[in-house]
Structures are given as structure tokens and as C-alpha cells.
């Protein structure tokens, strides 16, 4: 039986109170499962879809970013979230994270920051990663 992975989550963003303590923790646990940081600077570290930086204020709740196929899907996400009881945390629009970053943000009923993002036109090498268990 095959499973497809990599089609929903764009990234998970954690804002932490002590970046260096978190850097030590995540470096150790990621190495334990055979992974390493894919990006790091004095202000952040990352491993694939996980991005961690220091909170300017209170530590944030979980931030989930869903991949959107286009800008229209970002608008549809925002409208559906508000209609379903979400609270606006930044309407659809360009963001300064990188050219073409188009996103919308909402808080879910528990206050988690949920995002839909489209990174602009792109060609993927694969629609998803296919995982086939070995016999």
C-alpha cells in the first residue's frame, strides 16, 4: 500500500522563548532520527518544513501553513475559515518573506495561527513523495 506525503503542509513555524535552548534540543532530537538542520542563522533554525525562531513577545501557539495551488485558493481558504468561526489574523495578500509569497492568516477556535500560502508559479519535481512499505 502506497502513501503520498508532502501535499498539505507547507511549513510549521514555532516561536520559542529561548532560541539557543531550542536549538540544542531540536539539533539533538533531529540527529536522533537521522536528520539535520537544513538552514540556520543567529535568528532561526529549520529542518525541512519546520521553522523555529525567537518570539518577540509571548511564545506563539502552533503555526500551520497549508499549501495553496494559487491565489484564488488563498482567498477561498480565508473566506471559509472566517465563515467557520475562525478569526482574521491577516487577509489575503503579498508578504515580504520572498517574492511571490501570497498568503492569508486566521486564528482557529483555539487560537492557533493557520495560514494558506501560494509561493507563485512553480514547477514541482513531483506532486508528492510516494512511500511504499518494504515487504
Protein backbone atom coordinates (compact mmCIF):
# COMPACT_ATOMS: atom_id res chain seq x y z
CA UNK A 1 0.00 0.00 0.00
CA UNK A 2 1.44 3.37 -1.01
CA UNK A 3 1.09 6.63 0.89
CA UNK A 4 1.58 10.11 -0.54
CA UNK A 5 3.29 12.71 1.62
CA UNK A 6 4.11 16.38 1.14
CA UNK A 7 0.90 17.74 -0.32
CA UNK A 8 -0.76 19.60 2.55
CA UNK A 9 1.72 21.10 5.00
CA UNK A 10 3.87 23.91 3.65
CA UNK A 11 5.64 24.68 6.93
CA UNK A 12 5.29 24.62 10.69
CA UNK A 13 6.55 27.73 12.49
CA UNK A 14 7.41 27.64 16.18
CA UNK A 15 8.24 30.83 18.08
CA UNK A 16 10.20 29.98 21.21
CA UNK A 17 11.29 31.89 24.31
CA UNK A 18 14.91 30.66 24.34
CA UNK A 19 16.24 30.11 20.83
CA UNK A 20 19.57 28.61 21.92
CA UNK A 21 17.94 26.11 24.28
CA UNK A 22 15.53 25.15 21.50
CA UNK A 23 18.41 24.93 19.00
CA UNK A 24 20.23 22.45 21.31
CA UNK A 25 17.04 20.45 21.88
CA UNK A 26 15.96 20.20 18.25
CA UNK A 27 19.51 19.53 16.99
CA UNK A 28 19.73 16.57 19.40
CA UNK A 29 16.30 15.12 18.68
CA UNK A 30 16.60 15.58 14.93
CA UNK A 31 20.01 13.90 14.89
CA UNK A 32 18.48 11.03 16.86
CA UNK A 33 16.05 10.43 13.99
CA UNK A 34 18.69 10.87 11.30
CA UNK A 35 18.01 14.49 10.34
CA UNK A 36 19.98 17.74 10.48
CA UNK A 37 19.16 21.42 10.17
CA UNK A 38 18.60 22.49 6.58
CA UNK A 39 19.02 26.18 7.44
CA UNK A 40 20.23 28.16 10.43
CA UNK A 41 21.34 31.64 11.43
CA UNK A 42 21.61 33.55 14.70
CA UNK A 43 17.89 34.37 14.33
CA UNK A 44 16.46 30.94 13.36
CA UNK A 45 16.95 27.29 12.51
CA UNK A 46 14.99 24.98 10.24
CA UNK A 47 14.70 21.36 9.20
CA UNK A 48 12.69 20.82 6.04
CA UNK A 49 9.20 22.18 6.79
CA UNK A 50 9.94 23.08 10.43
CA UNK A 51 10.98 26.73 11.05
CA UNK A 52 11.91 27.95 14.55
CA UNK A 53 12.72 31.48 15.69
CA UNK A 54 12.62 33.57 18.85
CA UNK A 55 9.34 35.15 19.88
CA UNK A 56 9.34 38.93 20.21
CA UNK A 57 6.60 38.66 22.81
CA UNK A 58 4.75 35.68 24.21
CA UNK A 59 5.59 32.28 22.78
CA UNK A 60 3.17 31.59 19.98
CA UNK A 61 0.87 28.65 19.67
CA UNK A 62 1.34 26.30 16.76
CA UNK A 63 1.54 27.88 13.32
CA UNK A 64 0.47 25.62 10.43
CA UNK A 65 0.83 26.69 6.82
CA UNK A 66 -1.12 24.82 4.16
CA UNK A 67 0.00 24.81 0.54
CA UNK A 68 -2.43 26.57 -1.80
CA UNK A 69 -2.46 25.84 -5.56
CA UNK A 70 -2.99 29.51 -6.46
CA UNK A 71 -4.00 32.92 -5.09
CA UNK A 72 -7.68 32.14 -5.51
CA UNK A 73 -7.29 29.19 -3.15
CA UNK A 74 -5.72 31.54 -0.57
CA UNK A 75 -8.83 33.75 -0.81
CA UNK A 76 -11.14 30.73 -0.59
CA UNK A 77 -9.26 29.48 2.50
CA UNK A 78 -9.60 32.85 4.25
CA UNK A 79 -13.31 33.18 3.48
CA UNK A 80 -14.06 29.59 4.54
CA UNK A 81 -12.08 29.98 7.76
CA UNK A 82 -13.96 33.14 8.77
CA UNK A 83 -17.32 31.57 7.88
CA UNK A 84 -16.46 28.52 10.01
CA UNK A 85 -15.65 30.54 13.14
CA UNK A 86 -12.01 31.47 12.56
CA UNK A 87 -10.72 34.94 13.42
CA UNK A 88 -8.83 37.07 10.92
CA UNK A 89 -5.08 37.34 11.50
CA UNK A 90 -4.09 38.85 8.15
CA UNK A 91 -6.17 38.83 4.99
CA UNK A 92 -5.01 37.54 1.61
CA UNK A 93 -2.09 39.45 0.14
CA UNK A 94 1.58 39.61 -0.75
CA UNK A 95 4.02 39.16 2.10
CA UNK A 96 7.64 40.30 2.26
CA UNK A 97 9.04 36.84 3.11
CA UNK A 98 10.15 36.34 -0.50
CA UNK A 99 8.94 37.49 -3.94
CA UNK A 100 5.66 35.82 -4.85
CA UNK A 101 4.73 34.87 -1.25
CA UNK A 102 0.94 35.27 -1.19
CA UNK A 103 -0.84 34.23 1.99
CA UNK A 104 -3.71 34.67 4.40
CA UNK A 105 -3.74 34.01 8.15
CA UNK A 106 -6.51 33.12 10.61
CA UNK A 107 -6.73 32.00 14.21
CA UNK A 108 -8.59 28.73 14.63
CA UNK A 109 -11.10 28.32 17.50
CA UNK A 110 -8.24 27.53 19.93
CA UNK A 111 -6.07 30.44 18.82
CA UNK A 112 -3.61 28.55 16.61
CA UNK A 113 -2.27 30.58 13.69
CA UNK A 114 -3.34 28.85 10.45
CA UNK A 115 -2.08 30.03 7.06
CA UNK A 116 -2.65 29.24 3.42
CA UNK A 117 0.27 30.18 1.17
CA UNK A 118 0.98 30.22 -2.54
CA UNK A 119 4.62 30.82 -3.47
CA UNK A 120 3.92 31.87 -7.04
CA UNK A 121 4.09 29.93 -10.28
CA UNK A 122 6.40 26.96 -9.98
CA UNK A 123 7.02 23.55 -11.42
CA UNK A 124 7.30 20.72 -8.92
CA UNK A 125 9.64 17.80 -9.48
CA UNK A 126 6.89 15.60 -8.03
CA UNK A 127 3.35 16.16 -6.80
CA UNK A 128 4.22 14.31 -3.60
CA UNK A 129 6.63 11.80 -2.15
CA UNK A 130 5.33 8.26 -2.55
CA UNK A 131 6.13 5.94 0.36
CA UNK A 132 5.84 2.20 -0.32
CA UNK A 133 6.49 -0.06 2.69
CA UNK A 134 9.04 -2.80 2.12
CA UNK A 135 7.76 -6.38 2.40
